Amino acid sequence: MKSFISYFKLHKFLLINLFIFLYILINLLDGNRGYFSYIKKMTFLLKKIEEEKYIINQLESLKLKNAMLIKPNLNLDFLDELYRNFLLLVKKMKSYF
């Protein structure tokens, strides 16, 4: 016990600095605002940005298709294509009755 107290008195500055350094290092790397959490949040954000781009492209496609079906700008070729696709689907369906 006496040797521990004498060792602590001799190396007090070093031990306190070591504990402070370890505390700061652990808090920088781990935790809710640490480096690992930052990397996880950035990958999540990039994934959501890609999903947003995909959804915006789908929305623009639907807006274009709806614009082709509005009465003053009715695109007969597009309408014919929709009818043909629908009829092909109806022919492929099987009746179980």
PDB file of N, CA and C in Angstrom:
ATOM      1  N   MET A   1       0.824  -1.186   0.000  1.00  0.00           N
ATOM      2  CA  MET A   1       0.000   0.000   0.000  1.00  0.00           C
ATOM      3  C   MET A   1       0.865   1.246   0.000  1.00  0.00           C
ATOM      4  N   LYS A   2       1.950   1.178   0.772  1.00  0.00           N
ATOM      5  CA  LYS A   2       2.836   2.328   0.854  1.00  0.00           C
ATOM      6  C   LYS A   2       3.545   2.559  -0.476  1.00  0.00           C
ATOM      7  N   SER A   3       3.866   1.470  -1.152  1.00  0.00           N
ATOM      8  CA  SER A   3       4.546   1.607  -2.444  1.00  0.00           C
ATOM      9  C   SER A   3       3.598   2.207  -3.490  1.00  0.00           C
ATOM     10  N   PHE A   4       2.300   1.861  -3.413  1.00  0.00           N
ATOM     11  CA  PHE A   4       1.331   2.425  -4.347  1.00  0.00           C
ATOM     12  C   PHE A   4       1.197   3.924  -4.157  1.00  0.00           C
ATOM     13  N   ILE A   5       1.126   4.363  -2.916  1.00  0.00           N
ATOM     14  CA  ILE A   5       1.006   5.799  -2.623  1.00  0.00           C
ATOM     15  C   ILE A   5       2.257   6.534  -3.066  1.00  0.00           C
ATOM     16  N   SER A   6       3.396   5.973  -2.808  1.00  0.00           N
ATOM     17  CA  SER A   6       4.638   6.631  -3.234  1.00  0.00           C
ATOM     18  C   SER A   6       4.742   6.642  -4.765  1.00  0.00           C
ATOM     19  N   TYR A   7       4.310   5.570  -5.421  1.00  0.00           N
ATOM     20  CA  TYR A   7       4.321   5.530  -6.887  1.00  0.00           C
ATOM     21  C   TYR A   7       3.363   6.578  -7.448  1.00  0.00           C
ATOM     22  N   PHE A   8       2.186   6.700  -6.823  1.00  0.00           N
ATOM     23  CA  PHE A   8       1.204   7.683  -7.276  1.00  0.00           C
ATOM     24  C   PHE A   8       1.723   9.103  -7.103  1.00  0.00           C
ATOM     25  N   LYS A   9       2.396   9.365  -5.990  1.00  0.00           N
ATOM     26  CA  LYS A   9       2.948  10.703  -5.760  1.00  0.00           C
ATOM     27  C   LYS A   9       4.026  11.041  -6.782  1.00  0.00           C
ATOM     28  N   LEU A  10       4.829  10.058  -7.149  1.00  0.00           N
ATOM     29  CA  LEU A  10       5.902  10.307  -8.115  1.00  0.00           C
ATOM     30  C   LEU A  10       5.366  10.512  -9.536  1.00  0.00           C
ATOM     31  N   HIS A  11       4.357   9.743  -9.893  1.00  0.00           N
ATOM     32  CA  HIS A  11       3.866   9.764 -11.271  1.00  0.00           C
ATOM     33  C   HIS A  11       2.433  10.297 -11.361  1.00  0.00           C
ATOM     34  N   LYS A  12       2.067  11.189 -10.482  1.00  0.00           N
ATOM     35  CA  LYS A  12       0.714  11.724 -10.436  1.00  0.00           C
ATOM     36  C   LYS A  12       0.365  12.432 -11.745  1.00  0.00           C
ATOM     37  N   PHE A  13       1.228  13.264 -12.230  1.00  0.00           N
ATOM     38  CA  PHE A  13       0.974  14.042 -13.443  1.00  0.00           C
ATOM     39  C   PHE A  13       0.785  13.119 -14.655  1.00  0.00           C
ATOM     40  N   LEU A  14       1.626  12.118 -14.768  1.00  0.00           N
ATOM     41  CA  LEU A  14       1.543  11.177 -15.880  1.00  0.00           C
ATOM     42  C   LEU A  14       0.246  10.360 -15.831  1.00  0.00           C
ATOM     43  N   LEU A  15      -0.125   9.881 -14.658  1.00  0.00           N
ATOM     44  CA  LEU A  15      -1.332   9.063 -14.534  1.00  0.00           C
ATOM     45  C   LEU A  15      -2.601   9.866 -14.813  1.00  0.00           C
ATOM     46  N   ILE A  16      -2.655  11.086 -14.300  1.00  0.00           N
ATOM     47  CA  ILE A  16      -3.836  11.924 -14.538  1.00  0.00           C
ATOM     48  C   ILE A  16      -3.958  12.250 -16.024  1.00  0.00           C
ATOM     49  N   ASN A  17      -2.844  12.595 -16.650  1.00  0.00           N
ATOM     50  CA  ASN A  17      -2.880  12.881 -18.086  1.00  0.00           C
ATOM     51  C   ASN A  17      -3.256  11.647 -18.901  1.00  0.00           C
ATOM     52  N   LEU A  18      -2.795  10.496 -18.488  1.00  0.00           N
ATOM     53  CA  LEU A  18      -3.137   9.261 -19.183  1.00  0.00           C
ATOM     54  C   LEU A  18      -4.638   8.989 -19.107  1.00  0.00           C
ATOM     55  N   PHE A  19      -5.232   9.145 -17.929  1.00  0.00           N
ATOM     56  CA  PHE A  19      -6.669   8.925 -17.783  1.00  0.00           C
ATOM     57  C   PHE A  19      -7.480   9.954 -18.573  1.00  0.00           C
ATOM     58  N   ILE A  20      -7.049  11.193 -18.568  1.00  0.00           N
ATOM     59  CA  ILE A  20      -7.754  12.225 -19.340  1.00  0.00           C
ATOM     60  C   ILE A  20      -7.661  11.926 -20.837  1.00  0.00           C
ATOM     61  N   PHE A  21      -6.482  11.537 -21.292  1.00  0.00           N
ATOM     62  CA  PHE A  21      -6.299  11.202 -22.708  1.00  0.00           C
ATOM     63  C   PHE A  21      -7.177  10.017 -23.110  1.00  0.00           C
ATOM     64  N   LEU A  22      -7.215   8.981 -22.281  1.00  0.00           N
ATOM     65  CA  LEU A  22      -8.047   7.818 -22.592  1.00  0.00           C
ATOM     66  C   LEU A  22      -9.532   8.174 -22.598  1.00  0.00           C
ATOM     67  N   TYR A  23      -9.951   9.018 -21.670  1.00  0.00           N
ATOM     68  CA  TYR A  23     -11.349   9.449 -21.609  1.00  0.00           C
ATOM     69  C   TYR A  23     -11.737  10.193 -22.891  1.00  0.00           C
ATOM     70  N   ILE A  24     -10.887  11.113 -23.312  1.00  0.00           N
ATOM     71  CA  ILE A  24     -11.169  11.889 -24.522  1.00  0.00           C
ATOM     72  C   ILE A  24     -11.146  10.986 -25.749  1.00  0.00           C
ATOM     73  N   LEU A  25     -10.193  10.092 -25.832  1.00  0.00           N
ATOM     74  CA  LEU A  25     -10.085   9.189 -26.972  1.00  0.00           C
ATOM     75  C   LEU A  25     -11.308   8.279 -27.085  1.00  0.00           C
ATOM     76  N   ILE A  26     -11.753   7.740 -25.987  1.00  0.00           N
ATOM     77  CA  ILE A  26     -12.924   6.860 -26.008  1.00  0.00           C
ATOM     78  C   ILE A  26     -14.168   7.639 -26.404  1.00  0.00           C
ATOM     79  N   ASN A  27     -14.316   8.857 -25.914  1.00  0.00           N
ATOM     80  CA  ASN A  27     -15.484   9.658 -26.267  1.00  0.00           C
ATOM     81  C   ASN A  27     -15.447  10.130 -27.715  1.00  0.00           C
ATOM     82  N   LEU A  28     -14.262  10.335 -28.271  1.00  0.00           N
ATOM     83  CA  LEU A  28     -14.181  10.724 -29.679  1.00  0.00           C
ATOM     84  C   LEU A  28     -14.552   9.575 -30.605  1.00  0.00           C
ATOM     85  N   LEU A  29     -14.167   8.378 -30.249  1.00  0.00           N
ATOM     86  CA  LEU A  29     -14.413   7.239 -31.126  1.00  0.00           C
ATOM     87  C   LEU A  29     -15.787   6.616 -30.935  1.00  0.00           C
ATOM     88  N   ASP A  30     -16.251   6.558 -29.723  1.00  0.00           N
ATOM     89  CA  ASP A  30     -17.480   5.846 -29.424  1.00  0.00           C
ATOM     90  C   ASP A  30     -18.544   6.837 -28.979  1.00  0.00           C
ATOM     91  N   GLY A  31     -19.758   6.360 -28.825  1.00  0.00           N
ATOM     92  CA  GLY A  31     -20.829   7.202 -28.330  1.00  0.00           C
ATOM     93  C   GLY A  31     -21.747   7.656 -29.452  1.00  0.00           C
ATOM     94  N   ASN A  32     -22.695   8.500 -29.102  1.00  0.00           N
ATOM     95  CA  ASN A  32     -23.681   8.971 -30.059  1.00  0.00           C
ATOM     96  C   ASN A  32     -23.097   9.977 -31.040  1.00  0.00           C
ATOM     97  N   ARG A  33     -22.073  10.705 -30.630  1.00  0.00           N
ATOM     98  CA  ARG A  33     -21.463  11.702 -31.506  1.00  0.00           C
ATOM     99  C   ARG A  33     -20.036  11.339 -31.875  1.00  0.00           C
ATOM    100  N   GLY A  34     -19.671  10.098 -31.740  1.00  0.00           N
ATOM    101  CA  GLY A  34     -18.314   9.649 -32.018  1.00  0.00           C
ATOM    102  C   GLY A  34     -18.077   9.372 -33.493  1.00  0.00           C
ATOM    103  N   TYR A  35     -16.860   8.960 -33.791  1.00  0.00           N
ATOM    104  CA  TYR A  35     -16.449   8.722 -35.174  1.00  0.00           C
ATOM    105  C   TYR A  35     -17.213   7.560 -35.803  1.00  0.00           C
ATOM    106  N   PHE A  36     -17.382   6.470 -35.071  1.00  0.00           N
ATOM    107  CA  PHE A  36     -18.083   5.312 -35.620  1.00  0.00           C
ATOM    108  C   PHE A  36     -19.552   5.641 -35.894  1.00  0.00           C
ATOM    109  N   SER A  37     -20.158   6.394 -35.008  1.00  0.00           N
ATOM    110  CA  SER A  37     -21.530   6.816 -35.213  1.00  0.00           C
ATOM    111  C   SER A  37     -21.631   7.766 -36.406  1.00  0.00           C
ATOM    112  N   TYR A  38     -20.637   8.608 -36.582  1.00  0.00           N
ATOM    113  CA  TYR A  38     -20.605   9.535 -37.715  1.00  0.00           C
ATOM    114  C   TYR A  38     -20.556   8.768 -39.033  1.00  0.00           C
ATOM    115  N   ILE A  39     -19.725   7.747 -39.099  1.00  0.00           N
ATOM    116  CA  ILE A  39     -19.611   6.940 -40.316  1.00  0.00           C
ATOM    117  C   ILE A  39     -20.937   6.234 -40.605  1.00  0.00           C
ATOM    118  N   LYS A  40     -21.567   5.693 -39.578  1.00  0.00           N
ATOM    119  CA  LYS A  40     -22.839   5.006 -39.753  1.00  0.00           C
ATOM    120  C   LYS A  40     -23.919   5.968 -40.244  1.00  0.00           C
ATOM    121  N   LYS A  41     -23.948   7.164 -39.675  1.00  0.00           N
ATOM    122  CA  LYS A  41     -24.940   8.153 -40.090  1.00  0.00           C
ATOM    123  C   LYS A  41     -24.693   8.644 -41.513  1.00  0.00           C
ATOM    124  N   MET A  42     -23.431   8.771 -41.903  1.00  0.00           N
ATOM    125  CA  MET A  42     -23.127   9.226 -43.260  1.00  0.00           C
ATOM    126  C   MET A  42     -23.533   8.170 -44.293  1.00  0.00           C
ATOM    127  N   THR A  43     -23.303   6.897 -44.008  1.00  0.00           N
ATOM    128  CA  THR A  43     -23.721   5.854 -44.949  1.00  0.00           C
ATOM    129  C   THR A  43     -25.246   5.803 -45.043  1.00  0.00           C
ATOM    130  N   PHE A  44     -25.929   6.003 -43.924  1.00  0.00           N
ATOM    131  CA  PHE A  44     -27.390   6.039 -43.925  1.00  0.00           C
ATOM    132  C   PHE A  44     -27.888   7.219 -44.749  1.00  0.00           C
ATOM    133  N   LEU A  45     -27.234   8.380 -44.591  1.00  0.00           N
ATOM    134  CA  LEU A  45     -27.623   9.575 -45.336  1.00  0.00           C
ATOM    135  C   LEU A  45     -27.417   9.376 -46.836  1.00  0.00           C
ATOM    136  N   LEU A  46     -26.298   8.791 -47.232  1.00  0.00           N
ATOM    137  CA  LEU A  46     -26.046   8.550 -48.651  1.00  0.00           C
ATOM    138  C   LEU A  46     -27.069   7.576 -49.239  1.00  0.00           C
ATOM    139  N   LYS A  47     -27.442   6.579 -48.455  1.00  0.00           N
ATOM    140  CA  LYS A  47     -28.456   5.624 -48.903  1.00  0.00           C
ATOM    141  C   LYS A  47     -29.798   6.322 -49.108  1.00  0.00           C
ATOM    142  N   LYS A  48     -30.159   7.196 -48.188  1.00  0.00           N
ATOM    143  CA  LYS A  48     -31.426   7.916 -48.300  1.00  0.00           C
ATOM    144  C   LYS A  48     -31.412   8.903 -49.465  1.00  0.00           C
ATOM    145  N   ILE A  49     -30.266   9.501 -49.755  1.00  0.00           N
ATOM    146  CA  ILE A  49     -30.160  10.409 -50.899  1.00  0.00           C
ATOM    147  C   ILE A  49     -30.372   9.638 -52.198  1.00  0.00           C
ATOM    148  N   GLU A  50     -29.794   8.448 -52.293  1.00  0.00           N
ATOM    149  CA  GLU A  50     -29.996   7.615 -53.482  1.00  0.00           C
ATOM    150  C   GLU A  50     -31.463   7.217 -53.628  1.00  0.00           C
ATOM    151  N   GLU A  51     -32.113   6.865 -52.519  1.00  0.00           N
ATOM    152  CA  GLU A  51     -33.532   6.525 -52.565  1.00  0.00           C
ATOM    153  C   GLU A  51     -34.360   7.721 -53.008  1.00  0.00           C
ATOM    154  N   GLU A  52     -34.002   8.906 -52.528  1.00  0.00           N
ATOM    155  CA  GLU A  52     -34.724  10.117 -52.905  1.00  0.00           C
ATOM    156  C   GLU A  52     -34.587  10.379 -54.408  1.00  0.00           C
ATOM    157  N   LYS A  53     -33.389  10.206 -54.962  1.00  0.00           N
ATOM    158  CA  LYS A  53     -33.188  10.391 -56.404  1.00  0.00           C
ATOM    159  C   LYS A  53     -34.033   9.403 -57.199  1.00  0.00           C
ATOM    160  N   TYR A  54     -34.078   8.154 -56.736  1.00  0.00           N
ATOM    161  CA  TYR A  54     -34.872   7.139 -57.424  1.00  0.00           C
ATOM    162  C   TYR A  54     -36.355   7.500 -57.394  1.00  0.00           C
ATOM    163  N   ILE A  55     -36.845   7.943 -56.245  1.00  0.00           N
ATOM    164  CA  ILE A  55     -38.260   8.297 -56.116  1.00  0.00           C
ATOM    165  C   ILE A  55     -38.591   9.516 -56.968  1.00  0.00           C
ATOM    166  N   ILE A  56     -37.687  10.490 -57.020  1.00  0.00           N
ATOM    167  CA  ILE A  56     -37.917  11.676 -57.854  1.00  0.00           C
ATOM    168  C   ILE A  56     -37.982  11.285 -59.323  1.00  0.00           C
ATOM    169  N   ASN A  57     -37.111  10.376 -59.760  1.00  0.00           N
ATOM    170  CA  ASN A  57     -37.160   9.908 -61.150  1.00  0.00           C
ATOM    171  C   ASN A  57     -38.472   9.189 -61.449  1.00  0.00           C
ATOM    172  N   GLN A  58     -38.938   8.380 -60.515  1.00  0.00           N
ATOM    173  CA  GLN A  58     -40.216   7.696 -60.697  1.00  0.00           C
ATOM    174  C   GLN A  58     -41.367   8.696 -60.775  1.00  0.00           C
ATOM    175  N   LEU A  59     -41.313   9.729 -59.944  1.00  0.00           N
ATOM    176  CA  LEU A  59     -42.351  10.753 -59.937  1.00  0.00           C
ATOM    177  C   LEU A  59     -42.372  11.514 -61.255  1.00  0.00           C
ATOM    178  N   GLU A  60     -41.205  11.859 -61.767  1.00  0.00           N
ATOM    179  CA  GLU A  60     -41.135  12.556 -63.054  1.00  0.00           C
ATOM    180  C   GLU A  60     -41.687  11.678 -64.173  1.00  0.00           C
ATOM    181  N   SER A  61     -41.401  10.391 -64.117  1.00  0.00           N
ATOM    182  CA  SER A  61     -41.925   9.468 -65.121  1.00  0.00           C
ATOM    183  C   SER A  61     -43.449   9.416 -65.062  1.00  0.00           C
ATOM    184  N   LEU A  62     -44.001   9.351 -63.862  1.00  0.00           N
ATOM    185  CA  LEU A  62     -45.459   9.328 -63.722  1.00  0.00           C
ATOM    186  C   LEU A  62     -46.089  10.640 -64.166  1.00  0.00           C
ATOM    187  N   LYS A  63     -45.429  11.754 -63.884  1.00  0.00           N
ATOM    188  CA  LYS A  63     -45.953  13.049 -64.339  1.00  0.00           C
ATOM    189  C   LYS A  63     -45.995  13.106 -65.859  1.00  0.00           C
ATOM    190  N   LEU A  64     -44.961  12.588 -66.506  1.00  0.00           N
ATOM    191  CA  LEU A  64     -44.918  12.566 -67.966  1.00  0.00           C
ATOM    192  C   LEU A  64     -46.023  11.681 -68.529  1.00  0.00           C
ATOM    193  N   LYS A  65     -46.226  10.515 -67.923  1.00  0.00           N
ATOM    194  CA  LYS A  65     -47.285   9.619 -68.399  1.00  0.00           C
ATOM    195  C   LYS A  65     -48.662  10.230 -68.189  1.00  0.00           C
ATOM    196  N   ASN A  66     -48.869  10.905 -67.061  1.00  0.00           N
ATOM    197  CA  ASN A  66     -50.150  11.560 -66.820  1.00  0.00           C
ATOM    198  C   ASN A  66     -50.368  12.717 -67.780  1.00  0.00           C
ATOM    199  N   ALA A  67     -49.296  13.433 -68.111  1.00  0.00           N
ATOM    200  CA  ALA A  67     -49.420  14.542 -69.055  1.00  0.00           C
ATOM    201  C   ALA A  67     -49.809  14.032 -70.436  1.00  0.00           C
ATOM    202  N   MET A  68     -49.397  12.813 -70.788  1.00  0.00           N
ATOM    203  CA  MET A  68     -49.758  12.249 -72.085  1.00  0.00           C
ATOM    204  C   MET A  68     -51.221  11.834 -72.143  1.00  0.00           C
ATOM    205  N   LEU A  69     -51.851  11.647 -71.000  1.00  0.00           N
ATOM    206  CA  LEU A  69     -53.238  11.186 -70.965  1.00  0.00           C
ATOM    207  C   LEU A  69     -54.245  12.301 -70.723  1.00  0.00           C
ATOM    208  N   ILE A  70     -53.793  13.531 -70.580  1.00  0.00           N
ATOM    209  CA  ILE A  70     -54.710  14.656 -70.370  1.00  0.00           C
ATOM    210  C   ILE A  70     -55.370  14.988 -71.709  1.00  0.00           C
ATOM    211  N   LYS A  71     -56.634  15.348 -71.675  1.00  0.00           N
ATOM    212  CA  LYS A  71     -57.456  15.503 -72.866  1.00  0.00           C
ATOM    213  C   LYS A  71     -56.863  16.412 -73.956  1.00  0.00           C
ATOM    214  N   PRO A  72     -56.434  17.649 -73.689  1.00  0.00           N
ATOM    215  CA  PRO A  72     -55.933  18.485 -74.800  1.00  0.00           C
ATOM    216  C   PRO A  72     -54.648  17.942 -75.431  1.00  0.00           C
ATOM    217  N   ASN A  73     -53.803  17.287 -74.643  1.00  0.00           N
ATOM    218  CA  ASN A  73     -52.531  16.779 -75.158  1.00  0.00           C
ATOM    219  C   ASN A  73     -52.548  15.256 -75.282  1.00  0.00           C
ATOM    220  N   LEU A  74     -53.676  14.691 -75.574  1.00  0.00           N
ATOM    221  CA  LEU A  74     -53.814  13.240 -75.583  1.00  0.00           C
ATOM    222  C   LEU A  74     -52.888  12.620 -76.628  1.00  0.00           C
ATOM    223  N   ASN A  75     -51.990  11.775 -76.162  1.00  0.00           N
ATOM    224  CA  ASN A  75     -51.044  11.095 -77.044  1.00  0.00           C
ATOM    225  C   ASN A  75     -51.634   9.732 -77.395  1.00  0.00           C
ATOM    226  N   LEU A  76     -52.108   9.609 -78.624  1.00  0.00           N
ATOM    227  CA  LEU A  76     -52.796   8.380 -79.030  1.00  0.00           C
ATOM    228  C   LEU A  76     -51.847   7.192 -79.122  1.00  0.00           C
ATOM    229  N   ASP A  77     -50.614   7.433 -79.463  1.00  0.00           N
ATOM    230  CA  ASP A  77     -49.645   6.329 -79.529  1.00  0.00           C
ATOM    231  C   ASP A  77     -49.409   5.722 -78.148  1.00  0.00           C
ATOM    232  N   PHE A  78     -49.290   6.579 -77.143  1.00  0.00           N
ATOM    233  CA  PHE A  78     -49.092   6.091 -75.774  1.00  0.00           C
ATOM    234  C   PHE A  78     -50.325   5.335 -75.298  1.00  0.00           C
ATOM    235  N   LEU A  79     -51.497   5.860 -75.631  1.00  0.00           N
ATOM    236  CA  LEU A  79     -52.737   5.210 -75.237  1.00  0.00           C
ATOM    237  C   LEU A  79     -52.867   3.834 -75.908  1.00  0.00           C
ATOM    238  N   ASP A  80     -52.497   3.754 -77.171  1.00  0.00           N
ATOM    239  CA  ASP A  80     -52.517   2.477 -77.887  1.00  0.00           C
ATOM    240  C   ASP A  80     -51.562   1.471 -77.242  1.00  0.00           C
ATOM    241  N   GLU A  81     -50.399   1.945 -76.847  1.00  0.00           N
ATOM    242  CA  GLU A  81     -49.424   1.069 -76.181  1.00  0.00           C
ATOM    243  C   GLU A  81     -49.972   0.540 -74.858  1.00  0.00           C
ATOM    244  N   LEU A  82     -50.652   1.391 -74.103  1.00  0.00           N
ATOM    245  CA  LEU A  82     -51.258   0.945 -72.843  1.00  0.00           C
ATOM    246  C   LEU A  82     -52.336  -0.111 -73.084  1.00  0.00           C
ATOM    247  N   TYR A  83     -53.178   0.121 -74.102  1.00  0.00           N
ATOM    248  CA  TYR A  83     -54.219  -0.860 -74.416  1.00  0.00           C
ATOM    249  C   TYR A  83     -53.617  -2.204 -74.798  1.00  0.00           C
ATOM    250  N   ARG A  84     -52.596  -2.191 -75.627  1.00  0.00           N
ATOM    251  CA  ARG A  84     -51.977  -3.447 -76.065  1.00  0.00           C
ATOM    252  C   ARG A  84     -51.352  -4.199 -74.884  1.00  0.00           C
ATOM    253  N   ASN A  85     -50.673  -3.473 -73.999  1.00  0.00           N
ATOM    254  CA  ASN A  85     -50.087  -4.124 -72.815  1.00  0.00           C
ATOM    255  C   ASN A  85     -51.172  -4.719 -71.929  1.00  0.00           C
ATOM    256  N   PHE A  86     -52.281  -3.998 -71.779  1.00  0.00           N
ATOM    257  CA  PHE A  86     -53.368  -4.497 -70.952  1.00  0.00           C
ATOM    258  C   PHE A  86     -53.986  -5.749 -71.566  1.00  0.00           C
ATOM    259  N   LEU A  87     -54.191  -5.745 -72.876  1.00  0.00           N
ATOM    260  CA  LEU A  87     -54.785  -6.912 -73.531  1.00  0.00           C
ATOM    261  C   LEU A  87     -53.866  -8.121 -73.456  1.00  0.00           C
ATOM    262  N   LEU A  88     -52.565  -7.916 -73.563  1.00  0.00           N
ATOM    263  CA  LEU A  88     -51.634  -9.039 -73.427  1.00  0.00           C
ATOM    264  C   LEU A  88     -51.683  -9.626 -72.027  1.00  0.00           C
ATOM    265  N   LEU A  89     -51.827  -8.764 -71.031  1.00  0.00           N
ATOM    266  CA  LEU A  89     -51.925  -9.266 -69.658  1.00  0.00           C
ATOM    267  C   LEU A  89     -53.218 -10.036 -69.454  1.00  0.00           C
ATOM    268  N   VAL A  90     -54.307  -9.555 -70.067  1.00  0.00           N
ATOM    269  CA  VAL A  90     -55.587 -10.239 -69.915  1.00  0.00           C
ATOM    270  C   VAL A  90     -55.533 -11.606 -70.587  1.00  0.00           C
ATOM    271  N   LYS A  91     -54.871 -11.714 -71.736  1.00  0.00           N
ATOM    272  CA  LYS A  91     -54.778 -13.004 -72.423  1.00  0.00           C
ATOM    273  C   LYS A  91     -53.940 -14.002 -71.637  1.00  0.00           C
ATOM    274  N   LYS A  92     -52.933 -13.524 -70.921  1.00  0.00           N
ATOM    275  CA  LYS A  92     -52.056 -14.423 -70.167  1.00  0.00           C
ATOM    276  C   LYS A  92     -52.681 -14.902 -68.859  1.00  0.00           C
ATOM    277  N   MET A  93     -53.705 -14.201 -68.392  1.00  0.00           N
ATOM    278  CA  MET A  93     -54.337 -14.590 -67.135  1.00  0.00           C
ATOM    279  C   MET A  93     -55.151 -15.869 -67.334  1.00  0.00           C
ATOM    280  N   LYS A  94     -55.154 -16.719 -66.341  1.00  0.00           N
ATOM    281  CA  LYS A  94     -55.906 -17.967 -66.401  1.00  0.00           C
ATOM    282  C   LYS A  94     -57.156 -17.835 -65.538  1.00  0.00           C
ATOM    283  N   SER A  95     -58.204 -18.406 -66.014  1.00  0.00           N
ATOM    284  CA  SER A  95     -59.443 -18.398 -65.259  1.00  0.00           C
ATOM    285  C   SER A  95     -59.571 -19.732 -64.521  1.00  0.00           C
ATOM    286  N   TYR A  96     -59.897 -19.676 -63.273  1.00  0.00           N
ATOM    287  CA  TYR A  96     -60.025 -20.889 -62.462  1.00  0.00           C
ATOM    288  C   TYR A  96     -61.482 -21.236 -62.172  1.00  0.00           C
ATOM    289  N   PHE A  97     -62.407 -20.575 -62.842  1.00  0.00           N
ATOM    290  CA  PHE A  97     -63.822 -20.843 -62.588  1.00  0.00           C
ATOM    291  C   PHE A  97     -64.393 -21.773 -63.602  1.00  0.00           C
TER     292      PHE A  97
END
